[in-house]
Amino acid sequence: MDIAALSTVSANVRIQQEVSVLNMKRAMELTEQNGQGIQQLIQSVGQSLEPHLGKNVDIAI
C-alpha cells in the first residue's frame, strides 16, 4: 500500500472514531436527561391525589 492510500485510510478511520465518540456522548447526554425526567416523574407520583389509595393490600393464599 502506498503512503497516500495509507494516509487516506488513516484519516477515514480517525473521522469514524470521532463520529462514534460524538454519538456516544450524545447518547449519554440523552440518557442523563431521561434519567432526570424519570426521577421527577417518580417524585410527582409520590404525591398522590388520593393518598388513602394503595396503602393496603388484601392477599388470600
PDB file of N, CA and C in Angstrom:
ATOM      1  N   MET A   1       0.859  -1.170   0.000  1.00  0.00           N
ATOM      2  CA  MET A   1       0.000   0.000   0.000  1.00  0.00           C
ATOM      3  C   MET A   1       0.904   1.231   0.000  1.00  0.00           C
ATOM      4  N   ASP A   2       0.616   2.175  -0.829  1.00  0.00           N
ATOM      5  CA  ASP A   2       1.460   3.364  -0.882  1.00  0.00           C
ATOM      6  C   ASP A   2       1.097   4.342   0.232  1.00  0.00           C
ATOM      7  N   ILE A   3       1.924   5.321   0.429  1.00  0.00           N
ATOM      8  CA  ILE A   3       1.779   6.256   1.544  1.00  0.00           C
ATOM      9  C   ILE A   3       0.503   7.087   1.414  1.00  0.00           C
ATOM     10  N   ALA A   4       0.154   7.508   0.222  1.00  0.00           N
ATOM     11  CA  ALA A   4      -1.055   8.321   0.038  1.00  0.00           C
ATOM     12  C   ALA A   4      -2.310   7.535   0.414  1.00  0.00           C
ATOM     13  N   ALA A   5      -2.379   6.291  -0.002  1.00  0.00           N
ATOM     14  CA  ALA A   5      -3.543   5.462   0.329  1.00  0.00           C
ATOM     15  C   ALA A   5      -3.594   5.195   1.825  1.00  0.00           C
ATOM     16  N   LEU A   6      -2.443   4.937   2.427  1.00  0.00           N
ATOM     17  CA  LEU A   6      -2.376   4.696   3.867  1.00  0.00           C
ATOM     18  C   LEU A   6      -2.825   5.934   4.637  1.00  0.00           C
ATOM     19  N   SER A   7      -2.426   7.095   4.172  1.00  0.00           N
ATOM     20  CA  SER A   7      -2.825   8.342   4.808  1.00  0.00           C
ATOM     21  C   SER A   7      -4.332   8.546   4.715  1.00  0.00           C
ATOM     22  N   THR A   8      -4.906   8.244   3.576  1.00  0.00           N
ATOM     23  CA  THR A   8      -6.349   8.385   3.384  1.00  0.00           C
ATOM     24  C   THR A   8      -7.117   7.432   4.289  1.00  0.00           C
ATOM     25  N   VAL A   9      -6.672   6.197   4.348  1.00  0.00           N
ATOM     26  CA  VAL A   9      -7.321   5.204   5.209  1.00  0.00           C
ATOM     27  C   VAL A   9      -7.219   5.631   6.665  1.00  0.00           C
ATOM     28  N   SER A  10      -6.053   6.104   7.062  1.00  0.00           N
ATOM     29  CA  SER A  10      -5.848   6.548   8.442  1.00  0.00           C
ATOM     30  C   SER A  10      -6.774   7.717   8.783  1.00  0.00           C
ATOM     31  N   ALA A  11      -6.904   8.669   7.872  1.00  0.00           N
ATOM     32  CA  ALA A  11      -7.786   9.814   8.109  1.00  0.00           C
ATOM     33  C   ALA A  11      -9.239   9.368   8.208  1.00  0.00           C
ATOM     34  N   ASN A  12      -9.645   8.439   7.361  1.00  0.00           N
ATOM     35  CA  ASN A  12     -11.024   7.938   7.399  1.00  0.00           C
ATOM     36  C   ASN A  12     -11.320   7.225   8.707  1.00  0.00           C
ATOM     37  N   VAL A  13     -10.379   6.440   9.187  1.00  0.00           N
ATOM     38  CA  VAL A  13     -10.559   5.726  10.455  1.00  0.00           C
ATOM     39  C   VAL A  13     -10.677   6.723  11.597  1.00  0.00           C
ATOM     40  N   ARG A  14      -9.837   7.747  11.583  1.00  0.00           N
ATOM     41  CA  ARG A  14      -9.875   8.760  12.643  1.00  0.00           C
ATOM     42  C   ARG A  14     -11.221   9.489  12.636  1.00  0.00           C
ATOM     43  N   ILE A  15     -11.725   9.827  11.465  1.00  0.00           N
ATOM     44  CA  ILE A  15     -13.026  10.507  11.365  1.00  0.00           C
ATOM     45  C   ILE A  15     -14.142   9.603  11.874  1.00  0.00           C
ATOM     46  N   GLN A  16     -14.095   8.328  11.525  1.00  0.00           N
ATOM     47  CA  GLN A  16     -15.115   7.385  12.002  1.00  0.00           C
ATOM     48  C   GLN A  16     -15.079   7.275  13.520  1.00  0.00           C
ATOM     49  N   GLN A  17     -13.878   7.267  14.101  1.00  0.00           N
ATOM     50  CA  GLN A  17     -13.757   7.194  15.553  1.00  0.00           C
ATOM     51  C   GLN A  17     -14.320   8.453  16.207  1.00  0.00           C
ATOM     52  N   GLU A  18     -14.036   9.615  15.627  1.00  0.00           N
ATOM     53  CA  GLU A  18     -14.552  10.864  16.181  1.00  0.00           C
ATOM     54  C   GLU A  18     -16.077  10.899  16.125  1.00  0.00           C
ATOM     55  N   VAL A  19     -16.634  10.434  15.029  1.00  0.00           N
ATOM     56  CA  VAL A  19     -18.093  10.385  14.904  1.00  0.00           C
ATOM     57  C   VAL A  19     -18.676   9.425  15.933  1.00  0.00           C
ATOM     58  N   SER A  20     -18.035   8.294  16.133  1.00  0.00           N
ATOM     59  CA  SER A  20     -18.514   7.323  17.122  1.00  0.00           C
ATOM     60  C   SER A  20     -18.492   7.921  18.522  1.00  0.00           C
ATOM     61  N   VAL A  21     -17.421   8.638  18.848  1.00  0.00           N
ATOM     62  CA  VAL A  21     -17.309   9.258  20.167  1.00  0.00           C
ATOM     63  C   VAL A  21     -18.389  10.326  20.344  1.00  0.00           C
ATOM     64  N   LEU A  22     -18.617  11.139  19.321  1.00  0.00           N
ATOM     65  CA  LEU A  22     -19.658  12.164  19.412  1.00  0.00           C
ATOM     66  C   LEU A  22     -21.041  11.541  19.576  1.00  0.00           C
ATOM     67  N   ASN A  23     -21.302  10.461  18.859  1.00  0.00           N
ATOM     68  CA  ASN A  23     -22.587   9.766  19.005  1.00  0.00           C
ATOM     69  C   ASN A  23     -22.749   9.201  20.410  1.00  0.00           C
ATOM     70  N   MET A  24     -21.677   8.651  20.960  1.00  0.00           N
ATOM     71  CA  MET A  24     -21.736   8.098  22.315  1.00  0.00           C
ATOM     72  C   MET A  24     -21.975   9.204  23.339  1.00  0.00           C
ATOM     73  N   LYS A  25     -21.315  10.349  23.168  1.00  0.00           N
ATOM     74  CA  LYS A  25     -21.533  11.465  24.090  1.00  0.00           C
ATOM     75  C   LYS A  25     -22.983  11.934  24.035  1.00  0.00           C
ATOM     76  N   ARG A  26     -23.534  12.017  22.843  1.00  0.00           N
ATOM     77  CA  ARG A  26     -24.928  12.443  22.690  1.00  0.00           C
ATOM     78  C   ARG A  26     -25.878  11.434  23.335  1.00  0.00           C
ATOM     79  N   ALA A  27     -25.587  10.165  23.155  1.00  0.00           N
ATOM     80  CA  ALA A  27     -26.415   9.126  23.774  1.00  0.00           C
ATOM     81  C   ALA A  27     -26.345   9.219  25.293  1.00  0.00           C
ATOM     82  N   MET A  28     -25.164   9.497  25.819  1.00  0.00           N
ATOM     83  CA  MET A  28     -25.018   9.630  27.269  1.00  0.00           C
ATOM     84  C   MET A  28     -25.791  10.845  27.780  1.00  0.00           C
ATOM     85  N   GLU A  29     -25.748  11.955  27.047  1.00  0.00           N
ATOM     86  CA  GLU A  29     -26.496  13.146  27.448  1.00  0.00           C
ATOM     87  C   GLU A  29     -27.998  12.866  27.457  1.00  0.00           C
ATOM     88  N   LEU A  30     -28.477  12.189  26.418  1.00  0.00           N
ATOM     89  CA  LEU A  30     -29.903  11.864  26.348  1.00  0.00           C
ATOM     90  C   LEU A  30     -30.312  10.924  27.473  1.00  0.00           C
ATOM     91  N   THR A  31     -29.450   9.965  27.791  1.00  0.00           N
ATOM     92  CA  THR A  31     -29.736   9.030  28.879  1.00  0.00           C
ATOM     93  C   THR A  31     -29.813   9.770  30.207  1.00  0.00           C
ATOM     94  N   GLU A  32     -28.913  10.719  30.404  1.00  0.00           N
ATOM     95  CA  GLU A  32     -28.936  11.500  31.643  1.00  0.00           C
ATOM     96  C   GLU A  32     -30.215  12.338  31.730  1.00  0.00           C
ATOM     97  N   GLN A  33     -30.606  12.958  30.623  1.00  0.00           N
ATOM     98  CA  GLN A  33     -31.836  13.749  30.608  1.00  0.00           C
ATOM     99  C   GLN A  33     -33.051  12.866  30.882  1.00  0.00           C
ATOM    100  N   ASN A  34     -33.084  11.691  30.287  1.00  0.00           N
ATOM    101  CA  ASN A  34     -34.194  10.765  30.525  1.00  0.00           C
ATOM    102  C   ASN A  34     -34.231  10.331  31.980  1.00  0.00           C
ATOM    103  N   GLY A  35     -33.061  10.087  32.556  1.00  0.00           N
ATOM    104  CA  GLY A  35     -32.990   9.698  33.958  1.00  0.00           C
ATOM    105  C   GLY A  35     -33.523  10.789  34.869  1.00  0.00           C
ATOM    106  N   GLN A  36     -33.178  12.028  34.564  1.00  0.00           N
ATOM    107  CA  GLN A  36     -33.680  13.143  35.365  1.00  0.00           C
ATOM    108  C   GLN A  36     -35.195  13.263  35.227  1.00  0.00           C
ATOM    109  N   GLY A  37     -35.691  13.042  34.023  1.00  0.00           N
ATOM    110  CA  GLY A  37     -37.138  13.081  33.809  1.00  0.00           C
ATOM    111  C   GLY A  37     -37.850  11.989  34.584  1.00  0.00           C
ATOM    112  N   ILE A  38     -37.257  10.808  34.612  1.00  0.00           N
ATOM    113  CA  ILE A  38     -37.850   9.693  35.360  1.00  0.00           C
ATOM    114  C   ILE A  38     -37.846   9.994  36.848  1.00  0.00           C
ATOM    115  N   GLN A  39     -36.762  10.592  37.350  1.00  0.00           N
ATOM    116  CA  GLN A  39     -36.711  10.954  38.764  1.00  0.00           C
ATOM    117  C   GLN A  39     -37.819  11.945  39.110  1.00  0.00           C
ATOM    118  N   GLN A  40     -38.018  12.932  38.259  1.00  0.00           N
ATOM    119  CA  GLN A  40     -39.084  13.908  38.503  1.00  0.00           C
ATOM    120  C   GLN A  40     -40.455  13.239  38.457  1.00  0.00           C
ATOM    121  N   LEU A  41     -40.625  12.313  37.536  1.00  0.00           N
ATOM    122  CA  LEU A  41     -41.895  11.597  37.431  1.00  0.00           C
ATOM    123  C   LEU A  41     -42.155  10.776  38.683  1.00  0.00           C
ATOM    124  N   ILE A  42     -41.137  10.092  39.171  1.00  0.00           N
ATOM    125  CA  ILE A  42     -41.283   9.279  40.384  1.00  0.00           C
ATOM    126  C   ILE A  42     -41.630  10.164  41.572  1.00  0.00           C
ATOM    127  N   GLN A  43     -40.977  11.313  41.674  1.00  0.00           N
ATOM    128  CA  GLN A  43     -41.269  12.221  42.785  1.00  0.00           C
ATOM    129  C   GLN A  43     -42.695  12.757  42.696  1.00  0.00           C
ATOM    130  N   SER A  44     -43.166  13.044  41.490  1.00  0.00           N
ATOM    131  CA  SER A  44     -44.522  13.567  41.350  1.00  0.00           C
ATOM    132  C   SER A  44     -45.561  12.488  41.629  1.00  0.00           C
ATOM    133  N   VAL A  45     -45.241  11.237  41.333  1.00  0.00           N
ATOM    134  CA  VAL A  45     -46.168  10.138  41.612  1.00  0.00           C
ATOM    135  C   VAL A  45     -46.289   9.934  43.116  1.00  0.00           C
ATOM    136  N   GLY A  46     -45.223  10.221  43.853  1.00  0.00           N
ATOM    137  CA  GLY A  46     -45.253  10.071  45.302  1.00  0.00           C
ATOM    138  C   GLY A  46     -46.273  10.986  45.955  1.00  0.00           C
ATOM    139  N   GLN A  47     -46.636  12.054  45.291  1.00  0.00           N
ATOM    140  CA  GLN A  47     -47.614  12.994  45.820  1.00  0.00           C
ATOM    141  C   GLN A  47     -48.971  12.693  45.180  1.00  0.00           C
ATOM    142  N   SER A  48     -49.569  11.609  45.625  1.00  0.00           N
ATOM    143  CA  SER A  48     -50.814  11.123  45.027  1.00  0.00           C
ATOM    144  C   SER A  48     -51.978  12.060  45.327  1.00  0.00           C
ATOM    145  N   LEU A  49     -52.913  12.113  44.395  1.00  0.00           N
ATOM    146  CA  LEU A  49     -54.114  12.913  44.602  1.00  0.00           C
ATOM    147  C   LEU A  49     -55.047  12.255  45.606  1.00  0.00           C
ATOM    148  N   GLU A  50     -54.964  10.938  45.719  1.00  0.00           N
ATOM    149  CA  GLU A  50     -55.785  10.193  46.667  1.00  0.00           C
ATOM    150  C   GLU A  50     -54.850   9.379  47.561  1.00  0.00           C
ATOM    151  N   PRO A  51     -54.334  10.008  48.614  1.00  0.00           N
ATOM    152  CA  PRO A  51     -53.304   9.354  49.429  1.00  0.00           C
ATOM    153  C   PRO A  51     -53.782   8.114  50.181  1.00  0.00           C
ATOM    154  N   HIS A  52     -55.096   7.942  50.342  1.00  0.00           N
ATOM    155  CA  HIS A  52     -55.598   6.772  51.065  1.00  0.00           C
ATOM    156  C   HIS A  52     -55.584   5.512  50.197  1.00  0.00           C
ATOM    157  N   LEU A  53     -55.456   5.669  48.868  1.00  0.00           N
ATOM    158  CA  LEU A  53     -55.435   4.510  47.975  1.00  0.00           C
ATOM    159  C   LEU A  53     -54.030   3.912  47.898  1.00  0.00           C
ATOM    160  N   GLY A  54     -53.977   2.600  47.850  1.00  0.00           N
ATOM    161  CA  GLY A  54     -52.704   1.914  47.685  1.00  0.00           C
ATOM    162  C   GLY A  54     -51.942   1.672  48.966  1.00  0.00           C
ATOM    163  N   LYS A  55     -52.545   1.939  50.101  1.00  0.00           N
ATOM    164  CA  LYS A  55     -51.860   1.742  51.379  1.00  0.00           C
ATOM    165  C   LYS A  55     -51.990   0.308  51.876  1.00  0.00           C
ATOM    166  N   ASN A  56     -53.075  -0.384  51.507  1.00  0.00           N
ATOM    167  CA  ASN A  56     -53.327  -1.738  51.991  1.00  0.00           C
ATOM    168  C   ASN A  56     -53.438  -2.704  50.818  1.00  0.00           C
ATOM    169  N   VAL A  57     -52.995  -3.936  51.066  1.00  0.00           N
ATOM    170  CA  VAL A  57     -53.091  -4.981  50.054  1.00  0.00           C
ATOM    171  C   VAL A  57     -53.768  -6.188  50.694  1.00  0.00           C
ATOM    172  N   ASP A  58     -54.850  -6.676  50.081  1.00  0.00           N
ATOM    173  CA  ASP A  58     -55.537  -7.874  50.561  1.00  0.00           C
ATOM    174  C   ASP A  58     -54.986  -9.074  49.804  1.00  0.00           C
ATOM    175  N   ILE A  59     -54.492 -10.061  50.561  1.00  0.00           N
ATOM    176  CA  ILE A  59     -53.917 -11.254  49.940  1.00  0.00           C
ATOM    177  C   ILE A  59     -54.601 -12.484  50.523  1.00  0.00           C
ATOM    178  N   ALA A  60     -55.025 -13.401  49.644  1.00  0.00           N
ATOM    179  CA  ALA A  60     -55.596 -14.671  50.074  1.00  0.00           C
ATOM    180  C   ALA A  60     -54.738 -15.787  49.500  1.00  0.00           C
ATOM    181  N   ILE A  61     -54.325 -16.697  50.364  1.00  0.00           N
ATOM    182  CA  ILE A  61     -53.485 -17.815  49.911  1.00  0.00           C
ATOM    183  C   ILE A  61     -54.255 -19.110  50.044  1.00  0.00           C
TER     184      ILE A  61
END
